[in-house]
Amino acid sequence: MRIRRTLAAVIATAALAGLGLTGAATAATAATAQGATTYVTPSECKQGGGTPAINDQGNYCQGGTHDGEQID
């Protein structure tokens, strides 16, 4: 229930500002995802079509849908 009220408030505020529903959804998503570091497992990297570069500096997934994400 609280999530619905919060989302309705975000959409109403964005609509009053002239952003429309698309901009409001993008703004709400960006607000929740900002500052969150994403990690993937080596198997998620492989399933996405990438190669886990565990021995390289930084342990990143190379290629695929998780390209550039850090491996946990």
PDB file of N, CA and C in Angstrom:
ATOM      1  N   MET A   1       0.820  -1.180   0.000  1.00  0.00           N
ATOM      2  CA  MET A   1       0.000   0.000   0.000  1.00  0.00           C
ATOM      3  C   MET A   1       0.870   1.252   0.000  1.00  0.00           C
ATOM      4  N   ARG A   2       1.938   1.240   0.781  1.00  0.00           N
ATOM      5  CA  ARG A   2       2.817   2.404   0.855  1.00  0.00           C
ATOM      6  C   ARG A   2       3.507   2.627  -0.489  1.00  0.00           C
ATOM      7  N   ILE A   3       3.859   1.536  -1.159  1.00  0.00           N
ATOM      8  CA  ILE A   3       4.522   1.662  -2.456  1.00  0.00           C
ATOM      9  C   ILE A   3       3.595   2.316  -3.467  1.00  0.00           C
ATOM     10  N   ARG A   4       2.315   1.923  -3.446  1.00  0.00           N
ATOM     11  CA  ARG A   4       1.353   2.520  -4.376  1.00  0.00           C
ATOM     12  C   ARG A   4       1.204   4.011  -4.142  1.00  0.00           C
ATOM     13  N   ARG A   5       1.133   4.393  -2.872  1.00  0.00           N
ATOM     14  CA  ARG A   5       0.994   5.821  -2.554  1.00  0.00           C
ATOM     15  C   ARG A   5       2.230   6.597  -2.984  1.00  0.00           C
ATOM     16  N   THR A   6       3.399   6.021  -2.746  1.00  0.00           N
ATOM     17  CA  THR A   6       4.638   6.684  -3.128  1.00  0.00           C
ATOM     18  C   THR A   6       4.732   6.824  -4.640  1.00  0.00           C
ATOM     19  N   LEU A   7       4.415   5.743  -5.355  1.00  0.00           N
ATOM     20  CA  LEU A   7       4.454   5.794  -6.815  1.00  0.00           C
ATOM     21  C   LEU A   7       3.439   6.791  -7.357  1.00  0.00           C
ATOM     22  N   ALA A   8       2.265   6.831  -6.772  1.00  0.00           N
ATOM     23  CA  ALA A   8       1.239   7.784  -7.208  1.00  0.00           C
ATOM     24  C   ALA A   8       1.705   9.221  -6.972  1.00  0.00           C
ATOM     25  N   ALA A   9       2.386   9.449  -5.850  1.00  0.00           N
ATOM     26  CA  ALA A   9       2.899  10.788  -5.560  1.00  0.00           C
ATOM     27  C   ALA A   9       3.981  11.188  -6.555  1.00  0.00           C
ATOM     28  N   VAL A  10       4.851  10.243  -6.910  1.00  0.00           N
ATOM     29  CA  VAL A  10       5.916  10.531  -7.886  1.00  0.00           C
ATOM     30  C   VAL A  10       5.317  10.857  -9.245  1.00  0.00           C
ATOM     31  N   ILE A  11       4.342  10.066  -9.670  1.00  0.00           N
ATOM     32  CA  ILE A  11       3.711  10.291 -10.978  1.00  0.00           C
ATOM     33  C   ILE A  11       2.952  11.616 -10.987  1.00  0.00           C
ATOM     34  N   ALA A  12       2.240  11.907  -9.900  1.00  0.00           N
ATOM     35  CA  ALA A  12       1.494  13.164  -9.831  1.00  0.00           C
ATOM     36  C   ALA A  12       2.434  14.366  -9.865  1.00  0.00           C
ATOM     37  N   THR A  13       3.530  14.274  -9.138  1.00  0.00           N
ATOM     38  CA  THR A  13       4.501  15.369  -9.125  1.00  0.00           C
ATOM     39  C   THR A  13       5.124  15.558 -10.503  1.00  0.00           C
ATOM     40  N   ALA A  14       5.465  14.452 -11.152  1.00  0.00           N
ATOM     41  CA  ALA A  14       6.067  14.539 -12.483  1.00  0.00           C
ATOM     42  C   ALA A  14       5.066  15.076 -13.501  1.00  0.00           C
ATOM     43  N   ALA A  15       3.809  14.667 -13.365  1.00  0.00           N
ATOM     44  CA  ALA A  15       2.784  15.154 -14.297  1.00  0.00           C
ATOM     45  C   ALA A  15       2.584  16.656 -14.145  1.00  0.00           C
ATOM     46  N   LEU A  16       2.616  17.119 -12.921  1.00  0.00           N
ATOM     47  CA  LEU A  16       2.486  18.561 -12.703  1.00  0.00           C
ATOM     48  C   LEU A  16       3.695  19.311 -13.248  1.00  0.00           C
ATOM     49  N   ALA A  17       4.841  18.659 -13.238  1.00  0.00           N
ATOM     50  CA  ALA A  17       6.048  19.289 -13.767  1.00  0.00           C
ATOM     51  C   ALA A  17       6.129  19.173 -15.284  1.00  0.00           C
ATOM     52  N   GLY A  18       5.228  18.409 -15.885  1.00  0.00           N
ATOM     53  CA  GLY A  18       5.187  18.294 -17.341  1.00  0.00           C
ATOM     54  C   GLY A  18       6.031  17.170 -17.906  1.00  0.00           C
ATOM     55  N   LEU A  19       6.419  16.210 -17.094  1.00  0.00           N
ATOM     56  CA  LEU A  19       7.248  15.113 -17.590  1.00  0.00           C
ATOM     57  C   LEU A  19       6.432  14.011 -18.249  1.00  0.00           C
ATOM     58  N   GLY A  20       5.221  13.811 -17.821  1.00  0.00           N
ATOM     59  CA  GLY A  20       4.406  12.727 -18.354  1.00  0.00           C
ATOM     60  C   GLY A  20       4.736  11.421 -17.662  1.00  0.00           C
ATOM     61  N   LEU A  21       4.006  10.356 -18.021  1.00  0.00           N
ATOM     62  CA  LEU A  21       4.185   9.070 -17.354  1.00  0.00           C
ATOM     63  C   LEU A  21       5.528   8.423 -17.655  1.00  0.00           C
ATOM     64  N   THR A  22       6.020   8.545 -18.872  1.00  0.00           N
ATOM     65  CA  THR A  22       7.298   7.929 -19.228  1.00  0.00           C
ATOM     66  C   THR A  22       8.436   8.547 -18.435  1.00  0.00           C
ATOM     67  N   GLY A  23       8.461   9.834 -18.349  1.00  0.00           N
ATOM     68  CA  GLY A  23       9.504  10.499 -17.578  1.00  0.00           C
ATOM     69  C   GLY A  23       9.395  10.203 -16.102  1.00  0.00           C
ATOM     70  N   ALA A  24       8.176  10.059 -15.597  1.00  0.00           N
ATOM     71  CA  ALA A  24       7.981   9.755 -14.181  1.00  0.00           C
ATOM     72  C   ALA A  24       8.477   8.355 -13.859  1.00  0.00           C
ATOM     73  N   ALA A  25       8.196   7.407 -14.740  1.00  0.00           N
ATOM     74  CA  ALA A  25       8.663   6.046 -14.514  1.00  0.00           C
ATOM     75  C   ALA A  25      10.182   5.981 -14.563  1.00  0.00           C
ATOM     76  N   THR A  26      10.769   6.699 -15.496  1.00  0.00           N
ATOM     77  CA  THR A  26      12.223   6.739 -15.595  1.00  0.00           C
ATOM     78  C   THR A  26      12.830   7.397 -14.371  1.00  0.00           C
ATOM     79  N   ALA A  27      12.229   8.464 -13.909  1.00  0.00           N
ATOM     80  CA  ALA A  27      12.736   9.159 -12.734  1.00  0.00           C
ATOM     81  C   ALA A  27      12.619   8.289 -11.490  1.00  0.00           C
ATOM     82  N   ALA A  28      11.526   7.565 -11.365  1.00  0.00           N
ATOM     83  CA  ALA A  28      11.344   6.689 -10.207  1.00  0.00           C
ATOM     84  C   ALA A  28      12.348   5.548 -10.229  1.00  0.00           C
ATOM     85  N   THR A  29      12.591   4.982 -11.413  1.00  0.00           N
ATOM     86  CA  THR A  29      13.560   3.898 -11.536  1.00  0.00           C
ATOM     87  C   THR A  29      14.965   4.395 -11.265  1.00  0.00           C
ATOM     88  N   ALA A  30      15.307   5.545 -11.776  1.00  0.00           N
ATOM     89  CA  ALA A  30      16.640   6.095 -11.566  1.00  0.00           C
ATOM     90  C   ALA A  30      16.868   6.427 -10.099  1.00  0.00           C
ATOM     91  N   ALA A  31      15.830   6.867  -9.423  1.00  0.00           N
ATOM     92  CA  ALA A  31      15.979   7.212  -8.012  1.00  0.00           C
ATOM     93  C   ALA A  31      16.234   5.980  -7.162  1.00  0.00           C
ATOM     94  N   THR A  32      15.606   4.860  -7.509  1.00  0.00           N
ATOM     95  CA  THR A  32      15.801   3.654  -6.718  1.00  0.00           C
ATOM     96  C   THR A  32      17.103   2.957  -7.070  1.00  0.00           C
ATOM     97  N   ALA A  33      17.580   3.091  -8.305  1.00  0.00           N
ATOM     98  CA  ALA A  33      18.774   2.377  -8.726  1.00  0.00           C
ATOM     99  C   ALA A  33      20.050   3.184  -8.524  1.00  0.00           C
ATOM    100  N   GLN A  34      19.938   4.442  -8.244  1.00  0.00           N
ATOM    101  CA  GLN A  34      21.122   5.282  -8.137  1.00  0.00           C
ATOM    102  C   GLN A  34      21.933   4.887  -6.903  1.00  0.00           C
ATOM    103  N   GLY A  35      23.223   4.712  -7.113  1.00  0.00           N
ATOM    104  CA  GLY A  35      24.115   4.375  -6.022  1.00  0.00           C
ATOM    105  C   GLY A  35      24.171   2.891  -5.722  1.00  0.00           C
ATOM    106  N   ALA A  36      23.371   2.077  -6.370  1.00  0.00           N
ATOM    107  CA  ALA A  36      23.386   0.641  -6.130  1.00  0.00           C
ATOM    108  C   ALA A  36      24.421  -0.012  -7.040  1.00  0.00           C
ATOM    109  N   THR A  37      25.385  -0.694  -6.439  1.00  0.00           N
ATOM    110  CA  THR A  37      26.401  -1.395  -7.213  1.00  0.00           C
ATOM    111  C   THR A  37      25.852  -2.758  -7.589  1.00  0.00           C
ATOM    112  N   THR A  38      25.997  -3.121  -8.853  1.00  0.00           N
ATOM    113  CA  THR A  38      25.489  -4.413  -9.295  1.00  0.00           C
ATOM    114  C   THR A  38      26.627  -5.426  -9.367  1.00  0.00           C
ATOM    115  N   TYR A  39      26.355  -6.596  -8.870  1.00  0.00           N
ATOM    116  CA  TYR A  39      27.280  -7.709  -8.931  1.00  0.00           C
ATOM    117  C   TYR A  39      26.574  -8.872  -9.593  1.00  0.00           C
ATOM    118  N   VAL A  40      27.323  -9.665 -10.347  1.00  0.00           N
ATOM    119  CA  VAL A  40      26.781 -10.871 -10.945  1.00  0.00           C
ATOM    120  C   VAL A  40      27.683 -12.030 -10.555  1.00  0.00           C
ATOM    121  N   THR A  41      27.114 -13.228 -10.579  1.00  0.00           N
ATOM    122  CA  THR A  41      27.917 -14.419 -10.324  1.00  0.00           C
ATOM    123  C   THR A  41      28.565 -14.850 -11.636  1.00  0.00           C
ATOM    124  N   PRO A  42      29.620 -15.660 -11.567  1.00  0.00           N
ATOM    125  CA  PRO A  42      30.227 -16.138 -12.816  1.00  0.00           C
ATOM    126  C   PRO A  42      29.230 -16.879 -13.713  1.00  0.00           C
ATOM    127  N   SER A  43      28.305 -17.639 -13.109  1.00  0.00           N
ATOM    128  CA  SER A  43      27.329 -18.360 -13.924  1.00  0.00           C
ATOM    129  C   SER A  43      26.332 -17.414 -14.587  1.00  0.00           C
ATOM    130  N   GLU A  44      25.944 -16.321 -13.899  1.00  0.00           N
ATOM    131  CA  GLU A  44      25.058 -15.329 -14.520  1.00  0.00           C
ATOM    132  C   GLU A  44      25.763 -14.651 -15.682  1.00  0.00           C
ATOM    133  N   CYS A  45      27.051 -14.401 -15.536  1.00  0.00           N
ATOM    134  CA  CYS A  45      27.826 -13.795 -16.616  1.00  0.00           C
ATOM    135  C   CYS A  45      27.834 -14.702 -17.846  1.00  0.00           C
ATOM    136  N   LYS A  46      28.074 -16.008 -17.626  1.00  0.00           N
ATOM    137  CA  LYS A  46      28.097 -16.976 -18.732  1.00  0.00           C
ATOM    138  C   LYS A  46      26.727 -17.115 -19.379  1.00  0.00           C
ATOM    139  N   GLN A  47      25.670 -17.138 -18.557  1.00  0.00           N
ATOM    140  CA  GLN A  47      24.314 -17.266 -19.095  1.00  0.00           C
ATOM    141  C   GLN A  47      23.931 -16.059 -19.939  1.00  0.00           C
ATOM    142  N   GLY A  48      24.487 -14.905 -19.620  1.00  0.00           N
ATOM    143  CA  GLY A  48      24.228 -13.701 -20.395  1.00  0.00           C
ATOM    144  C   GLY A  48      25.084 -13.600 -21.644  1.00  0.00           C
ATOM    145  N   GLY A  49      25.936 -14.597 -21.881  1.00  0.00           N
ATOM    146  CA  GLY A  49      26.758 -14.599 -23.089  1.00  0.00           C
ATOM    147  C   GLY A  49      28.124 -13.972 -22.892  1.00  0.00           C
ATOM    148  N   GLY A  50      28.515 -13.740 -21.649  1.00  0.00           N
ATOM    149  CA  GLY A  50      29.804 -13.113 -21.375  1.00  0.00           C
ATOM    150  C   GLY A  50      30.838 -14.108 -20.884  1.00  0.00           C
ATOM    151  N   THR A  51      32.025 -13.589 -20.630  1.00  0.00           N
ATOM    152  CA  THR A  51      33.120 -14.384 -20.103  1.00  0.00           C
ATOM    153  C   THR A  51      33.566 -13.768 -18.786  1.00  0.00           C
ATOM    154  N   PRO A  52      33.498 -14.533 -17.687  1.00  0.00           N
ATOM    155  CA  PRO A  52      33.951 -13.975 -16.412  1.00  0.00           C
ATOM    156  C   PRO A  52      35.472 -13.845 -16.391  1.00  0.00           C
ATOM    157  N   ALA A  53      35.963 -12.645 -16.226  1.00  0.00           N
ATOM    158  CA  ALA A  53      37.405 -12.382 -16.201  1.00  0.00           C
ATOM    159  C   ALA A  53      37.849 -12.300 -14.745  1.00  0.00           C
ATOM    160  N   ILE A  54      37.855 -13.436 -14.068  1.00  0.00           N
ATOM    161  CA  ILE A  54      38.119 -13.470 -12.636  1.00  0.00           C
ATOM    162  C   ILE A  54      39.574 -13.149 -12.318  1.00  0.00           C
ATOM    163  N   ASN A  55      40.495 -13.528 -13.168  1.00  0.00           N
ATOM    164  CA  ASN A  55      41.906 -13.292 -12.888  1.00  0.00           C
ATOM    165  C   ASN A  55      42.361 -11.893 -13.266  1.00  0.00           C
ATOM    166  N   ASP A  56      41.564 -11.183 -14.048  1.00  0.00           N
ATOM    167  CA  ASP A  56      41.918  -9.816 -14.425  1.00  0.00           C
ATOM    168  C   ASP A  56      41.664  -8.877 -13.259  1.00  0.00           C
ATOM    169  N   GLN A  57      42.308  -7.727 -13.289  1.00  0.00           N
ATOM    170  CA  GLN A  57      42.134  -6.746 -12.232  1.00  0.00           C
ATOM    171  C   GLN A  57      40.698  -6.233 -12.222  1.00  0.00           C
ATOM    172  N   GLY A  58      40.031  -6.356 -11.097  1.00  0.00           N
ATOM    173  CA  GLY A  58      38.671  -5.860 -10.951  1.00  0.00           C
ATOM    174  C   GLY A  58      37.604  -6.926 -11.050  1.00  0.00           C
ATOM    175  N   ASN A  59      37.900  -8.087 -11.606  1.00  0.00           N
ATOM    176  CA  ASN A  59      36.938  -9.187 -11.724  1.00  0.00           C
ATOM    177  C   ASN A  59      35.633  -8.748 -12.387  1.00  0.00           C
ATOM    178  N   TYR A  60      35.702  -8.442 -13.666  1.00  0.00           N
ATOM    179  CA  TYR A  60      34.534  -7.976 -14.402  1.00  0.00           C
ATOM    180  C   TYR A  60      34.070  -9.008 -15.411  1.00  0.00           C
ATOM    181  N   CYS A  61      32.788  -8.927 -15.755  1.00  0.00           N
ATOM    182  CA  CYS A  61      32.216  -9.752 -16.818  1.00  0.00           C
ATOM    183  C   CYS A  61      32.507  -9.048 -18.143  1.00  0.00           C
ATOM    184  N   GLN A  62      33.047  -9.791 -19.085  1.00  0.00           N
ATOM    185  CA  GLN A  62      33.392  -9.203 -20.385  1.00  0.00           C
ATOM    186  C   GLN A  62      32.446  -9.737 -21.444  1.00  0.00           C
ATOM    187  N   GLY A  63      31.696  -8.846 -22.075  1.00  0.00           N
ATOM    188  CA  GLY A  63      30.768  -9.198 -23.139  1.00  0.00           C
ATOM    189  C   GLY A  63      29.409  -9.631 -22.601  1.00  0.00           C
ATOM    190  N   GLY A  64      28.488  -9.857 -23.496  1.00  0.00           N
ATOM    191  CA  GLY A  64      27.155 -10.316 -23.128  1.00  0.00           C
ATOM    192  C   GLY A  64      26.286  -9.212 -22.517  1.00  0.00           C
ATOM    193  N   THR A  65      25.225  -9.637 -21.866  1.00  0.00           N
ATOM    194  CA  THR A  65      24.281  -8.669 -21.298  1.00  0.00           C
ATOM    195  C   THR A  65      24.779  -8.054 -20.001  1.00  0.00           C
ATOM    196  N   HIS A  66      25.751  -8.671 -19.345  1.00  0.00           N
ATOM    197  CA  HIS A  66      26.293  -8.156 -18.087  1.00  0.00           C
ATOM    198  C   HIS A  66      27.677  -7.529 -18.286  1.00  0.00           C
ATOM    199  N   ASP A  67      27.966  -7.066 -19.473  1.00  0.00           N
ATOM    200  CA  ASP A  67      29.277  -6.508 -19.798  1.00  0.00           C
ATOM    201  C   ASP A  67      29.632  -5.352 -18.873  1.00  0.00           C
ATOM    202  N   GLY A  68      30.800  -5.450 -18.247  1.00  0.00           N
ATOM    203  CA  GLY A  68      31.285  -4.397 -17.391  1.00  0.00           C
ATOM    204  C   GLY A  68      30.827  -4.470 -15.942  1.00  0.00           C
ATOM    205  N   GLU A  69      29.939  -5.412 -15.624  1.00  0.00           N
ATOM    206  CA  GLU A  69      29.477  -5.552 -14.249  1.00  0.00           C
ATOM    207  C   GLU A  69      30.482  -6.382 -13.463  1.00  0.00           C
ATOM    208  N   GLN A  70      30.641  -6.037 -12.198  1.00  0.00           N
ATOM    209  CA  GLN A  70      31.628  -6.705 -11.358  1.00  0.00           C
ATOM    210  C   GLN A  70      31.113  -8.080 -10.933  1.00  0.00           C
ATOM    211  N   ILE A  71      32.023  -9.038 -10.899  1.00  0.00           N
ATOM    212  CA  ILE A  71      31.673 -10.402 -10.511  1.00  0.00           C
ATOM    213  C   ILE A  71      31.881 -10.552  -9.014  1.00  0.00           C
ATOM    214  N   ASP A  72      30.880 -11.129  -8.379  1.00  0.00           N
ATOM    215  CA  ASP A  72      30.929 -11.329  -6.933  1.00  0.00           C
ATOM    216  C   ASP A  72      31.433 -12.724  -6.623  1.00  0.00           C
TER     217      ASP A  72
END
